[in-house]
C-alpha cells in the first residue's frame, strides 16, 4: 500500500468530519451502520506483466471460489450534510482447465481485493443527495497459466497494486410508507486520475423492522477499468462485479 494513498484517505476523512459541525451546528449526528453481503458475479480480465487471464465467476459458483469476504458501511448525518464510508474485501481463487487450441492449458487466478470508499454528501432536496469522494482500491493478483508458454511451460506472475479514484454521484431516497423506503445510488469516477474509468449503481428496498433496525434487499454493481505500466511491470484489472445484496442496518 502506497503511503500517498493512505494519507489521502486519512486527510479526506478528517476534512469531511470537520465540515459537519460547521455546516449544521444546531443538529446532532445520526449514524447508520450496515453489514451486508453480495451474491456477486465477476467478469473481466486480470493481467500482471505479460500474463493475462479471464476472471469469470458466475453467481451460481461464487461461494465455491470465495475464500473470504467482508462488507460493511457507515453513514453519519448532521442536518443536510452526511459522511459515508464503505468497505468491501474479497479473496477469490478461480481455476480453469481445457483452455487453448488443444485444450491442454490450465489457468489459476488468485485475487485479494480491498475497496474502501469515503464520500461527503449534501441534501439538495429532502429526497435527493449529491455526493463526491474517493474510492480506494488495493489488489493482489497472482496468475498461473500452465502450458501457456511457447513451449508449453508455466507462466506465473504476482503483483500488488493500489490506486484512488475520485467519484461524483447522486443518491435518491423514496419513502413508500412508514416502514418501507426505496434507495437508489449511482456514481462515475476514475477519469484517468486513478483508473481509466469506473462506475457504480445500486438499488435497495429498506424495510424498517424496529425503531433502530432495518433489513436491506437489493442489487449492487461495480465496474472498473484499470491498466497501468508496460511490459513486466504492467497491471490490468478490467472487471465488472454485480449481483443481489442483502444486509442489516442499525440506526442510532
Foldseek 3Di string as FASTA:
>chain_A
DDPVVVVVVVVVVVVLVVVQCVVAVPWDKKKKKKWKDFLKWKWDWWDFFPDIDTRTGDSVCQVVFWPDKTWMKMWIDTVQKIKIKIKIWTWGKDKDFLDDPRRGKIKIKTKTKIKMWIKIWGHPDPFKIKIKTKIKIKMWMWMWMQLPDPVRHIDIDIDIDMWMKIKIWMKGWAAPDPFKIKIKIKIKIDVVRTFVIKIKIWIWIWGHPDPFKIKIKTKIKIFTWHWDDHHNRIITDGMIMMGIMIIMMGMD
